[in-house]
C-alpha atoms as a PDB file:
ATOM      1  CA  MET A   1     -11.520 -27.508 -25.233  1.00  0.00           C
ATOM      2  CA  PRO A   2      -9.837 -29.488 -28.070  1.00  0.00           C
ATOM      3  CA  GLY A   3      -6.661 -27.869 -29.245  1.00  0.00           C
ATOM      4  CA  GLY A   4      -6.884 -25.300 -26.462  1.00  0.00           C
ATOM      5  CA  ILE A   5      -4.650 -24.612 -23.512  1.00  0.00           C
ATOM      6  CA  CYS A   6      -6.770 -26.783 -21.199  1.00  0.00           C
ATOM      7  CA  GLU A   7      -6.087 -29.898 -23.282  1.00  0.00           C
ATOM      8  CA  ASN A   8      -2.485 -29.951 -22.093  1.00  0.00           C
ATOM      9  CA  ARG A   9      -2.909 -28.256 -18.751  1.00  0.00           C
ATOM     10  CA  ARG A  10      -6.018 -29.858 -17.300  1.00  0.00           C
ATOM     11  CA  LEU A  11      -4.944 -29.375 -13.701  1.00  0.00           C
ATOM     12  CA  ARG A  12      -4.395 -25.659 -14.044  1.00  0.00           C
ATOM     13  CA  CYS A  13      -7.582 -25.201 -16.023  1.00  0.00           C
ATOM     14  CA  SER A  14      -9.654 -27.078 -13.472  1.00  0.00           C
ATOM     15  CA  HIS A  15      -8.493 -24.645 -10.836  1.00  0.00           C
ATOM     16  CA  LEU A  16      -9.112 -21.707 -13.120  1.00  0.00           C
ATOM     17  CA  ALA A  17     -12.659 -23.009 -13.521  1.00  0.00           C
ATOM     18  CA  LEU A  18     -13.023 -23.216  -9.739  1.00  0.00           C
ATOM     19  CA  LEU A  19     -11.628 -19.721  -9.394  1.00  0.00           C
ATOM     20  CA  GLY A  20     -14.108 -18.485 -11.984  1.00  0.00           C
ATOM     21  CA  SER A  21     -16.914 -20.071 -10.015  1.00  0.00           C
ATOM     22  CA  ILE A  22     -15.745 -18.258  -6.876  1.00  0.00           C
ATOM     23  CA  VAL A  23     -15.627 -14.950  -8.714  1.00  0.00           C
ATOM     24  CA  ALA A  24     -19.136 -15.536 -10.059  1.00  0.00           C
ATOM     25  CA  THR A  25     -20.615 -16.418  -6.676  1.00  0.00           C
ATOM     26  CA  THR A  26     -18.747 -13.950  -4.465  1.00  0.00           C
ATOM     27  CA  GLY A  27     -18.375 -11.023  -6.852  1.00  0.00           C
ATOM     28  CA  TRP A  28     -14.611 -10.889  -6.149  1.00  0.00           C
ATOM     29  CA  VAL A  29     -12.560  -9.500  -9.014  1.00  0.00           C
ATOM     30  CA  GLN A  30     -10.222  -6.817  -7.687  1.00  0.00           C
ATOM     31  CA  ALA A  31     -10.695  -5.428  -4.220  1.00  0.00           C
ATOM     32  CA  ALA A  32     -11.203  -1.674  -4.135  1.00  0.00           C
ATOM     33  CA  ASN A  33      -8.848   0.548  -2.187  1.00  0.00           C
ATOM     34  CA  LEU A  34     -10.509   1.439   1.122  1.00  0.00           C
ATOM     35  CA  VAL A  35      -8.295   4.513   1.493  1.00  0.00           C
ATOM     36  CA  SER A  36      -9.495   7.734  -0.106  1.00  0.00           C
ATOM     37  CA  ASN A  37      -6.873   9.772  -1.941  1.00  0.00           C
ATOM     38  CA  GLY A  38      -4.135   7.217  -1.320  1.00  0.00           C
ATOM     39  CA  GLY A  39      -2.122   8.742  -4.167  1.00  0.00           C
ATOM     40  CA  MET A  40      -2.310  12.247  -2.638  1.00  0.00           C
ATOM     41  CA  GLU A  41      -3.721  13.626  -5.884  1.00  0.00           C
ATOM     42  CA  VAL A  42      -6.418  15.722  -4.134  1.00  0.00           C
ATOM     43  CA  PRO A  43      -6.326  18.638  -4.177  1.00  0.00           C
ATOM     44  CA  ALA A  44      -4.557  18.942  -7.509  1.00  0.00           C
ATOM     45  CA  ILE A  45      -1.951  21.681  -7.395  1.00  0.00           C
ATOM     46  CA  ALA A  46       0.186  23.351 -10.058  1.00  0.00           C
ATOM     47  CA  PRO A  47       3.477  21.738 -11.101  1.00  0.00           C
ATOM     48  CA  GLY A  48       6.440  22.999  -9.108  1.00  0.00           C
ATOM     49  CA  THR A  49       4.349  24.048  -6.108  1.00  0.00           C
ATOM     50  CA  ILE A  50       3.435  22.841  -2.623  1.00  0.00           C
ATOM     51  CA  LEU A  51       0.299  23.305  -0.558  1.00  0.00           C
ATOM     52  CA  THR A  52       0.463  23.150   3.237  1.00  0.00           C
ATOM     53  CA  PHE A  53      -2.275  21.783   5.507  1.00  0.00           C
ATOM     54  CA  TYR A  54      -2.296  22.318   9.255  1.00  0.00           C
ATOM     55  CA  ALA A  55      -3.729  20.464  12.259  1.00  0.00           C
ATOM     56  CA  GLY A  56      -7.509  20.372  12.039  1.00  0.00           C
ATOM     57  CA  GLN A  57      -7.599  20.675   8.257  1.00  0.00           C
ATOM     58  CA  THR A  58      -8.491  17.936   5.772  1.00  0.00           C
ATOM     59  CA  PHE A  59      -7.425  17.095   2.226  1.00  0.00           C
ATOM     60  CA  GLY A  60      -9.041  14.480   0.017  1.00  0.00           C
ATOM     61  CA  GLY A  61     -10.123  12.128   2.822  1.00  0.00           C
ATOM     62  CA  TRP A  62      -7.117  12.667   5.113  1.00  0.00           C
ATOM     63  CA  THR A  63      -7.209  14.634   8.352  1.00  0.00           C
ATOM     64  CA  VAL A  64      -4.151  16.416   9.726  1.00  0.00           C
ATOM     65  CA  SER A  65      -4.289  15.789  13.462  1.00  0.00           C
ATOM     66  CA  ALA A  66      -0.978  17.380  14.485  1.00  0.00           C
ATOM     67  CA  GLY A  67       1.666  19.668  13.007  1.00  0.00           C
ATOM     68  CA  SER A  68       1.460  20.249   9.269  1.00  0.00           C
ATOM     69  CA  ILE A  69       2.071  18.477   5.957  1.00  0.00           C
ATOM     70  CA  ASP A  70       2.910  19.598   2.425  1.00  0.00           C
ATOM     71  CA  VAL A  71       1.219  18.280  -0.706  1.00  0.00           C
ATOM     72  CA  VAL A  72       4.057  18.333  -3.251  1.00  0.00           C
ATOM     73  CA  HIS A  73       3.931  18.496  -7.044  1.00  0.00           C
ATOM     74  CA  GLY A  74       7.551  18.769  -8.113  1.00  0.00           C
ATOM     75  CA  TRP A  75       9.652  15.759  -7.232  1.00  0.00           C
ATOM     76  CA  GLN A  76       9.544  12.168  -8.459  1.00  0.00           C
ATOM     77  CA  ASN A  77       6.514  10.377  -7.048  1.00  0.00           C
ATOM     78  CA  ALA A  78       5.903   6.712  -6.377  1.00  0.00           C
ATOM     79  CA  GLU A  79       2.783   7.012  -8.555  1.00  0.00           C
ATOM     80  CA  GLY A  80       0.721   9.783 -10.063  1.00  0.00           C
ATOM     81  CA  LEU A  81       1.673  13.451  -9.969  1.00  0.00           C
ATOM     82  CA  GLN A  82       1.748  14.247  -6.255  1.00  0.00           C
ATOM     83  CA  SER A  83       2.853  12.931  -2.883  1.00  0.00           C
ATOM     84  CA  ILE A  84       3.218  14.468   0.563  1.00  0.00           C
ATOM     85  CA  ASP A  85       5.966  15.616   2.908  1.00  0.00           C
ATOM     86  CA  LEU A  86       4.809  14.611   6.386  1.00  0.00           C
ATOM     87  CA  SER A  87       6.581  17.588   7.924  1.00  0.00           C
ATOM     88  CA  GLY A  88       5.378  20.871   6.431  1.00  0.00           C
ATOM     89  CA  SER A  89       6.628  23.418   8.942  1.00  0.00           C
ATOM     90  CA  SER A  90       6.477  20.984  11.886  1.00  0.00           C
ATOM     91  CA  GLN A  91       6.199  17.232  12.344  1.00  0.00           C
ATOM     92  CA  GLY A  92       2.835  16.213  10.921  1.00  0.00           C
ATOM     93  CA  THR A  93       0.365  13.412  11.573  1.00  0.00           C
ATOM     94  CA  ILE A  94      -2.406  12.340   9.191  1.00  0.00           C
ATOM     95  CA  TYR A  95      -5.109   9.715   9.487  1.00  0.00           C
ATOM     96  CA  GLN A  96      -8.196   8.200   7.906  1.00  0.00           C
ATOM     97  CA  ASP A  97     -10.945   6.229   9.610  1.00  0.00           C
ATOM     98  CA  VAL A  98     -11.635   3.383   7.195  1.00  0.00           C
ATOM     99  CA  PRO A  99     -14.551   0.926   7.175  1.00  0.00           C
ATOM    100  CA  THR A 100     -13.498  -2.559   8.306  1.00  0.00           C
ATOM    101  CA  VAL A 101     -15.008  -5.838   9.479  1.00  0.00           C
ATOM    102  CA  ALA A 102     -13.972  -7.165  12.872  1.00  0.00           C
ATOM    103  CA  GLY A 103     -11.782 -10.244  12.526  1.00  0.00           C
ATOM    104  CA  ARG A 104     -11.045  -9.697   8.845  1.00  0.00           C
ATOM    105  CA  THR A 105      -7.502  -9.341   7.535  1.00  0.00           C
ATOM    106  CA  TYR A 106      -6.423  -6.428   5.342  1.00  0.00           C
ATOM    107  CA  ASP A 107      -3.395  -5.815   3.146  1.00  0.00           C
ATOM    108  CA  LEU A 108      -1.788  -2.392   3.673  1.00  0.00           C
ATOM    109  CA  SER A 109       0.892  -1.097   1.338  1.00  0.00           C
ATOM    110  CA  PHE A 110       2.466   2.315   0.829  1.00  0.00           C
ATOM    111  CA  ALA A 111       5.602   3.958  -0.494  1.00  0.00           C
ATOM    112  CA  MET A 112       8.020   5.889   1.704  1.00  0.00           C
ATOM    113  CA  ALA A 113      10.933   8.168   0.805  1.00  0.00           C
ATOM    114  CA  SER A 114      12.180  11.463   2.187  1.00  0.00           C
ATOM    115  CA  ASP A 115      12.133  15.137   1.419  1.00  0.00           C
ATOM    116  CA  PRO A 116      15.381  15.215  -0.605  1.00  0.00           C
ATOM    117  CA  TYR A 117      16.403  18.740   0.380  1.00  0.00           C
ATOM    118  CA  TRP A 118      17.925  17.768   3.719  1.00  0.00           C
ATOM    119  CA  ALA A 119      20.625  15.133   4.014  1.00  0.00           C
ATOM    120  CA  GLY A 120      19.553  13.367   7.194  1.00  0.00           C
ATOM    121  CA  THR A 121      17.441  10.301   7.939  1.00  0.00           C
ATOM    122  CA  ARG A 122      13.630  10.491   8.005  1.00  0.00           C
ATOM    123  CA  ASN A 123      11.530   8.549  10.495  1.00  0.00           C
ATOM    124  CA  MET A 124       7.856   7.642  10.370  1.00  0.00           C
ATOM    125  CA  ASP A 125       5.479   5.657  12.606  1.00  0.00           C
ATOM    126  CA  VAL A 126       2.491   3.761  11.226  1.00  0.00           C
ATOM    127  CA  TYR A 127      -0.544   2.963  13.399  1.00  0.00           C
ATOM    128  CA  TRP A 128      -3.506   0.649  12.837  1.00  0.00           C
ATOM    129  CA  GLY A 129      -6.051   1.720  15.411  1.00  0.00           C
ATOM    130  CA  ASP A 130      -4.115   2.049  18.671  1.00  0.00           C
ATOM    131  CA  VAL A 131      -1.457  -0.453  17.563  1.00  0.00           C
ATOM    132  CA  LEU A 132       1.972   0.688  16.370  1.00  0.00           C
ATOM    133  CA  VAL A 133       2.491  -1.309  13.168  1.00  0.00           C
ATOM    134  CA  ASP A 134       6.051  -0.197  12.448  1.00  0.00           C
ATOM    135  CA  SER A 135       8.648   2.529  12.993  1.00  0.00           C
ATOM    136  CA  LEU A 136      10.408   3.174   9.703  1.00  0.00           C
ATOM    137  CA  SER A 137      13.525   5.057   8.653  1.00  0.00           C
ATOM    138  CA  PHE A 138      14.708   6.285   5.274  1.00  0.00           C
ATOM    139  CA  ALA A 139      18.174   7.692   4.565  1.00  0.00           C
ATOM    140  CA  THR A 140      18.271  10.536   2.052  1.00  0.00           C
ATOM    141  CA  ALA A 141      21.896   9.954   1.053  1.00  0.00           C
ATOM    142  CA  GLY A 142      22.224   9.110  -2.639  1.00  0.00           C
ATOM    143  CA  HIS A 143      18.771  10.387  -3.586  1.00  0.00           C
ATOM    144  CA  THR A 144      17.565  13.541  -5.334  1.00  0.00           C
ATOM    145  CA  ASP A 145      14.207  15.104  -6.171  1.00  0.00           C
ATOM    146  CA  GLN A 146      14.267  13.175  -9.453  1.00  0.00           C
ATOM    147  CA  ASP A 147      15.538   9.930  -7.927  1.00  0.00           C
ATOM    148  CA  MET A 148      13.659   9.639  -4.654  1.00  0.00           C
ATOM    149  CA  GLY A 149      14.354   5.966  -4.041  1.00  0.00           C
ATOM    150  CA  TRP A 150      10.784   5.166  -3.000  1.00  0.00           C
ATOM    151  CA  MET A 151      10.483   1.969  -0.971  1.00  0.00           C
ATOM    152  CA  TYR A 152       7.246   0.024  -0.670  1.00  0.00           C
ATOM    153  CA  HIS A 153       6.207  -1.520   2.649  1.00  0.00           C
ATOM    154  CA  SER A 154       3.421  -4.054   3.021  1.00  0.00           C
ATOM    155  CA  TYR A 155       1.629  -5.507   6.042  1.00  0.00           C
ATOM    156  CA  MET A 156      -1.249  -7.831   6.794  1.00  0.00           C
ATOM    157  CA  LEU A 157      -3.458  -6.310   9.497  1.00  0.00           C
ATOM    158  CA  THR A 158      -6.516  -7.585  11.354  1.00  0.00           C
ATOM    159  CA  ALA A 159      -9.431  -5.318  12.235  1.00  0.00           C
ATOM    160  CA  THR A 160     -11.131  -5.399  15.633  1.00  0.00           C
ATOM    161  CA  GLY A 161     -14.130  -3.206  14.809  1.00  0.00           C
ATOM    162  CA  ASN A 162     -16.236  -1.747  12.023  1.00  0.00           C
ATOM    163  CA  VAL A 163     -14.044   1.360  11.734  1.00  0.00           C
ATOM    164  CA  THR A 164     -10.258   1.418  12.052  1.00  0.00           C
ATOM    165  CA  ARG A 165      -7.973   4.450  12.100  1.00  0.00           C
ATOM    166  CA  LEU A 166      -4.967   4.305   9.747  1.00  0.00           C
ATOM    167  CA  LEU A 167      -2.413   6.871  10.891  1.00  0.00           C
ATOM    168  CA  PHE A 168       0.994   8.064   9.660  1.00  0.00           C
ATOM    169  CA  LYS A 169       3.161  10.178  11.959  1.00  0.00           C
ATOM    170  CA  ASP A 170       6.406  11.928  11.100  1.00  0.00           C
ATOM    171  CA  MET A 171       9.072  11.194  13.713  1.00  0.00           C
ATOM    172  CA  THR A 172      11.990  13.010  12.083  1.00  0.00           C
ATOM    173  CA  HIS A 173      14.157  15.100  14.434  1.00  0.00           C
ATOM    174  CA  ASP A 174      16.925  17.686  14.032  1.00  0.00           C
ATOM    175  CA  ASN A 175      15.527  19.198  10.844  1.00  0.00           C
ATOM    176  CA  ASP A 176      14.007  22.443  12.211  1.00  0.00           C
ATOM    177  CA  GLY A 177      10.520  21.049  11.643  1.00  0.00           C
ATOM    178  CA  TYR A 178      10.913  20.853   7.873  1.00  0.00           C
ATOM    179  CA  TYR A 179      12.024  18.089   5.489  1.00  0.00           C
ATOM    180  CA  GLY A 180      10.093  15.079   6.758  1.00  0.00           C
ATOM    181  CA  ALA A 181       9.247  11.609   5.514  1.00  0.00           C
ATOM    182  CA  ALA A 182       7.602  11.460   2.090  1.00  0.00           C
ATOM    183  CA  LEU A 183       4.509   9.303   1.637  1.00  0.00           C
ATOM    184  CA  ASP A 184       2.632   8.124  -1.447  1.00  0.00           C
ATOM    185  CA  ASP A 185       0.450   5.372  -2.931  1.00  0.00           C
ATOM    186  CA  VAL A 186      -1.328   4.208   0.227  1.00  0.00           C
ATOM    187  CA  VAL A 187      -3.489   1.160  -0.517  1.00  0.00           C
ATOM    188  CA  LEU A 188      -5.661  -0.858   1.873  1.00  0.00           C
ATOM    189  CA  THR A 189      -7.612  -3.851   0.558  1.00  0.00           C
ATOM    190  CA  PRO A 190      -9.308  -6.868   2.144  1.00  0.00           C
ATOM    191  CA  GLU A 191      -7.396 -10.097   1.871  1.00  0.00           C
ATOM    192  CA  PRO A 192      -9.002 -12.680  -0.480  1.00  0.00           C
ATOM    193  CA  THR A 193     -11.465 -15.130   1.000  1.00  0.00           C
ATOM    194  CA  THR A 194     -10.320 -18.464   2.398  1.00  0.00           C
ATOM    195  CA  LEU A 195     -12.151 -20.182  -0.441  1.00  0.00           C
ATOM    196  CA  LEU A 196     -10.079 -18.345  -3.021  1.00  0.00           C
ATOM    197  CA  LEU A 197      -6.844 -19.304  -1.289  1.00  0.00           C
ATOM    198  CA  LEU A 198      -7.945 -22.935  -1.138  1.00  0.00           C
ATOM    199  CA  ALA A 199      -8.624 -22.913  -4.862  1.00  0.00           C
ATOM    200  CA  VAL A 200      -5.169 -21.555  -5.597  1.00  0.00           C
ATOM    201  CA  GLY A 201      -3.599 -23.895  -3.044  1.00  0.00           C
ATOM    202  CA  GLY A 202      -4.879 -26.908  -4.985  1.00  0.00           C
ATOM    203  CA  LEU A 203      -2.297 -26.549  -7.752  1.00  0.00           C
ATOM    204  CA  ALA A 204       0.180 -29.338  -8.468  1.00  0.00           C
ATOM    205  CA  ALA A 205       2.920 -29.670  -5.848  1.00  0.00           C
ATOM    206  CA  THR A 206       5.735 -28.405  -8.035  1.00  0.00           C
ATOM    207  CA  ARG A 207       3.790 -25.336  -9.036  1.00  0.00           C
ATOM    208  CA  ARG A 208       2.534 -24.782  -5.495  1.00  0.00           C
ATOM    209  CA  LYS A 209       6.099 -24.773  -4.194  1.00  0.00           C
ATOM    210  CA  ARG A 210       7.110 -22.197  -6.749  1.00  0.00           C
ATOM    211  CA  GLN A 211       4.070 -19.992  -6.094  1.00  0.00           C
ATOM    212  CA  TRP A 212       4.390 -19.880  -2.326  1.00  0.00           C
ATOM    213  CA  ALA A 213       8.153 -19.445  -2.391  1.00  0.00           C
ATOM    214  CA  GLY A 214       7.527 -16.228  -4.303  1.00  0.00           C
ATOM    215  CA  LEU A 215       4.895 -15.082  -1.836  1.00  0.00           C
ATOM    216  CA  ASP A 216       7.050 -15.706   1.204  1.00  0.00           C
ATOM    217  CA  ARG A 217      10.069 -13.852  -0.114  1.00  0.00           C
ATOM    218  CA  ASN A 218      10.570 -10.392   1.443  1.00  0.00           C
ATOM    219  CA  ALA A 219       7.194 -10.559   3.113  1.00  0.00           C
ATOM    220  CA  ARG A 220       7.654  -7.209   4.807  1.00  0.00           C
ATOM    221  CA  TYR A 221       8.590  -5.281   1.679  1.00  0.00           C
ATOM    222  CA  THR A 222       6.385  -6.911  -0.902  1.00  0.00           C
ATOM    223  CA  GLY A 223       4.927  -3.720  -2.315  1.00  0.00           C
ATOM    224  CA  ARG A 224       2.145  -3.883  -4.913  1.00  0.00           C
ATOM    225  CA  PRO A 225       0.164  -5.621  -6.335  1.00  0.00           C
ATOM    226  CA  SER A 226      -1.717  -7.424  -3.570  1.00  0.00           C
ATOM    227  CA  ARG A 227      -1.187 -11.092  -2.779  1.00  0.00           C
ATOM    228  CA  ALA A 228      -4.500 -12.003  -4.423  1.00  0.00           C
ATOM    229  CA  ALA A 229      -3.467 -10.266  -7.635  1.00  0.00           C
ATOM    230  CA  ARG A 230      -0.122 -12.069  -7.639  1.00  0.00           C
ATOM    231  CA  LEU A 231      -1.820 -15.426  -7.149  1.00  0.00           C
ATOM    232  CA  LEU A 232      -4.275 -14.812  -9.955  1.00  0.00           C
ATOM    233  CA  ARG A 233      -1.498 -13.601 -12.243  1.00  0.00           C
ATOM    234  CA  GLY A 234       0.487 -16.748 -11.514  1.00  0.00           C
ATOM    235  CA  LEU A 235      -2.493 -18.913 -12.465  1.00  0.00           C
ATOM    236  CA  THR A 236      -3.193 -17.155 -15.726  1.00  0.00           C
ATOM    237  CA  ASN A 237       0.503 -17.225 -16.685  1.00  0.00           C
ATOM    238  CA  GLY A 238       0.740 -20.947 -16.019  1.00  0.00           C
ATOM    239  CA  ARG A 239       3.332 -20.662 -13.278  1.00  0.00           C
END
């Protein structure tokens, strides 16, 4: 490629070529979200309103298995137009059974905040199958309905079967059953293949050090996009 970017950056371009070959042979471009209605946009409700779902009911792929939840269209959301309060009139629990492959690793990310109309701390448990992934807390102090302070959490999880239950449970107490944890933008994607990681890992040592230092930082609260997307973005930006 005379005069092109590859003339001066042969190493990076060789790995981009290898990455392109992997994409062509594996069909990997951007992994689809395995969670239905992760943005809580279904059902769509009118601005300034809430819609409550109770145990046994479903909404857009989610099942309410205990208590109740509110779909909310009125406060600041992590993404889109709606999110949920995990405690409608009592502490709620929601889940989805997602298709997985035993032994494969998945990247889970979501945004948590709190119903801003009560000043206490919200608590939420996250389960992957029967395993408690994390118990999270969010303090409402300093936040309003237009400045929710959403925090992203990210985890790498391994499946043990062909279906895995992803479950969120409100654990907030002393709020009369109302004003629970807020949840939005739930994303679950397969981790990239080992071959893809090997291709990226072949970069020059100085660039490799810079790339992986960025990946390791704040591993628990990485948020979006996925690790694969960050790696690909680093390649195409020449970092």
